[in-house]
Amino acid sequence: MAHFLFTCPTTAFKVQQWLDEDDNAPRDKYEAITCPACTKTHFINRKTGKLLGEK
């Protein structure tokens, strides 16, 4: 499993998320996750660990 740490854009809390590893995932693929901090859906990039729209 791959570990990601991101900042929730709604609450600004640091959140960790675990996703199944996918070494063949394209660089532009995002996975929908339910944020444990705000319960909203966010999209995280499997390669970079960044949220969709994050700079």
N, C-alpha and C. Protein backbone atom coordinates (compact mmCIF):
# COMPACT_ATOMS: atom_id res chain seq x y z
N MET A 1 0.84 -1.18 0.00
CA MET A 1 0.00 0.00 0.00
C MET A 1 0.88 1.24 0.00
N ALA A 2 0.40 2.27 -0.66
CA ALA A 2 1.13 3.53 -0.73
C ALA A 2 0.52 4.52 0.25
N HIS A 3 1.36 5.28 0.91
CA HIS A 3 0.95 6.25 1.92
C HIS A 3 1.03 7.65 1.33
N PHE A 4 -0.03 8.43 1.46
CA PHE A 4 -0.07 9.80 0.99
C PHE A 4 -0.42 10.72 2.14
N LEU A 5 0.21 11.88 2.20
CA LEU A 5 -0.11 12.90 3.18
C LEU A 5 -0.48 14.15 2.42
N PHE A 6 -1.67 14.68 2.67
CA PHE A 6 -2.11 15.88 1.97
C PHE A 6 -2.84 16.80 2.93
N THR A 7 -3.01 18.04 2.53
CA THR A 7 -3.74 19.01 3.33
C THR A 7 -5.15 19.12 2.78
N CYS A 8 -6.13 18.89 3.62
CA CYS A 8 -7.53 18.98 3.22
C CYS A 8 -7.83 20.44 2.84
N PRO A 9 -8.33 20.68 1.63
CA PRO A 9 -8.61 22.06 1.22
C PRO A 9 -9.78 22.69 1.97
N THR A 10 -10.62 21.90 2.60
CA THR A 10 -11.78 22.42 3.32
C THR A 10 -11.42 22.80 4.76
N THR A 11 -10.69 21.91 5.45
CA THR A 11 -10.39 22.14 6.87
C THR A 11 -8.96 22.59 7.13
N ALA A 12 -8.08 22.45 6.15
CA ALA A 12 -6.64 22.75 6.27
C ALA A 12 -5.93 21.80 7.23
N PHE A 13 -6.54 20.67 7.57
CA PHE A 13 -5.90 19.65 8.40
C PHE A 13 -5.01 18.78 7.53
N LYS A 14 -3.92 18.29 8.12
CA LYS A 14 -3.08 17.30 7.44
C LYS A 14 -3.78 15.95 7.55
N VAL A 15 -3.90 15.27 6.43
CA VAL A 15 -4.63 14.01 6.37
C VAL A 15 -3.72 12.97 5.72
N GLN A 16 -3.71 11.76 6.28
CA GLN A 16 -2.99 10.69 5.62
C GLN A 16 -3.97 9.71 5.02
N GLN A 17 -3.60 9.18 3.89
CA GLN A 17 -4.47 8.26 3.16
C GLN A 17 -3.62 7.12 2.62
N TRP A 18 -4.16 5.93 2.64
CA TRP A 18 -3.49 4.76 2.09
C TRP A 18 -4.23 4.31 0.85
N LEU A 19 -3.51 4.06 -0.23
CA LEU A 19 -4.09 3.55 -1.47
C LEU A 19 -3.28 2.34 -1.91
N ASP A 20 -3.91 1.44 -2.61
CA ASP A 20 -3.19 0.31 -3.18
C ASP A 20 -2.14 0.83 -4.16
N GLU A 21 -0.96 0.23 -4.12
CA GLU A 21 0.10 0.66 -5.02
C GLU A 21 -0.24 0.27 -6.45
N ASP A 22 0.05 1.17 -7.36
CA ASP A 22 -0.16 0.93 -8.78
C ASP A 22 1.00 1.58 -9.52
N ASP A 23 2.07 0.82 -9.72
CA ASP A 23 3.27 1.36 -10.37
C ASP A 23 3.03 1.72 -11.82
N ASN A 24 1.98 1.17 -12.42
CA ASN A 24 1.70 1.43 -13.83
C ASN A 24 0.70 2.55 -14.04
N ALA A 25 0.30 3.23 -12.98
CA ALA A 25 -0.68 4.32 -13.10
C ALA A 25 -0.07 5.48 -13.89
N PRO A 26 -0.82 6.04 -14.84
CA PRO A 26 -0.30 7.20 -15.57
C PRO A 26 -0.15 8.41 -14.65
N ARG A 27 0.73 9.33 -15.03
CA ARG A 27 1.03 10.50 -14.20
C ARG A 27 -0.17 11.43 -14.05
N ASP A 28 -1.12 11.36 -14.96
CA ASP A 28 -2.28 12.26 -14.91
C ASP A 28 -3.54 11.58 -14.36
N LYS A 29 -3.40 10.43 -13.70
CA LYS A 29 -4.55 9.72 -13.16
C LYS A 29 -4.79 10.12 -11.70
N TYR A 30 -6.03 10.43 -11.39
CA TYR A 30 -6.41 10.80 -10.02
C TYR A 30 -7.41 9.78 -9.48
N GLU A 31 -7.32 9.53 -8.19
CA GLU A 31 -8.20 8.58 -7.52
C GLU A 31 -9.14 9.35 -6.58
N ALA A 32 -10.41 9.04 -6.63
CA ALA A 32 -11.39 9.68 -5.73
C ALA A 32 -11.27 9.04 -4.34
N ILE A 33 -11.14 9.89 -3.33
CA ILE A 33 -11.08 9.40 -1.95
C ILE A 33 -12.06 10.21 -1.10
N THR A 34 -12.57 9.59 -0.05
CA THR A 34 -13.40 10.31 0.91
C THR A 34 -12.50 10.78 2.04
N CYS A 35 -12.46 12.08 2.22
CA CYS A 35 -11.56 12.69 3.21
C CYS A 35 -12.08 12.43 4.62
N PRO A 36 -11.24 11.88 5.50
CA PRO A 36 -11.67 11.65 6.88
C PRO A 36 -11.82 12.94 7.69
N ALA A 37 -11.24 14.03 7.22
CA ALA A 37 -11.32 15.30 7.95
C ALA A 37 -12.62 16.04 7.70
N CYS A 38 -13.11 16.00 6.44
CA CYS A 38 -14.31 16.78 6.11
C CYS A 38 -15.43 15.94 5.49
N THR A 39 -15.17 14.68 5.22
CA THR A 39 -16.09 13.70 4.60
C THR A 39 -16.48 14.05 3.17
N LYS A 40 -15.78 14.98 2.54
CA LYS A 40 -16.02 15.30 1.13
C LYS A 40 -15.12 14.42 0.27
N THR A 41 -15.41 14.39 -1.03
CA THR A 41 -14.60 13.64 -1.96
C THR A 41 -13.50 14.55 -2.51
N HIS A 42 -12.27 14.07 -2.47
CA HIS A 42 -11.13 14.75 -3.07
C HIS A 42 -10.50 13.79 -4.07
N PHE A 43 -9.76 14.34 -5.01
CA PHE A 43 -9.09 13.53 -6.01
C PHE A 43 -7.58 13.67 -5.81
N ILE A 44 -6.92 12.52 -5.59
CA ILE A 44 -5.49 12.50 -5.30
C ILE A 44 -4.74 11.80 -6.44
N ASN A 45 -3.61 12.38 -6.81
CA ASN A 45 -2.79 11.81 -7.87
C ASN A 45 -1.95 10.69 -7.29
N ARG A 46 -2.01 9.52 -7.90
CA ARG A 46 -1.29 8.35 -7.38
C ARG A 46 0.22 8.48 -7.49
N LYS A 47 0.72 9.20 -8.46
CA LYS A 47 2.16 9.34 -8.66
C LYS A 47 2.76 10.43 -7.78
N THR A 48 2.08 11.57 -7.65
CA THR A 48 2.66 12.71 -6.95
C THR A 48 2.12 12.89 -5.53
N GLY A 49 0.94 12.34 -5.25
CA GLY A 49 0.32 12.52 -3.93
C GLY A 49 -0.37 13.85 -3.77
N LYS A 50 -0.47 14.63 -4.85
CA LYS A 50 -1.10 15.94 -4.78
C LYS A 50 -2.58 15.84 -5.14
N LEU A 51 -3.34 16.80 -4.62
CA LEU A 51 -4.76 16.87 -4.92
C LEU A 51 -4.99 17.54 -6.27
N LEU A 52 -6.09 17.20 -6.91
CA LEU A 52 -6.46 17.82 -8.17
C LEU A 52 -6.63 19.31 -7.94
N GLY A 53 -5.96 20.14 -8.73
CA GLY A 53 -6.04 21.58 -8.60
C GLY A 53 -4.97 22.18 -7.71
N GLU A 54 -4.21 21.33 -7.00
CA GLU A 54 -3.15 21.82 -6.11
C GLU A 54 -1.92 22.16 -6.95
N LYS A 55 -1.26 23.28 -6.59
CA LYS A 55 -0.06 23.70 -7.35
C LYS A 55 1.17 23.01 -6.85
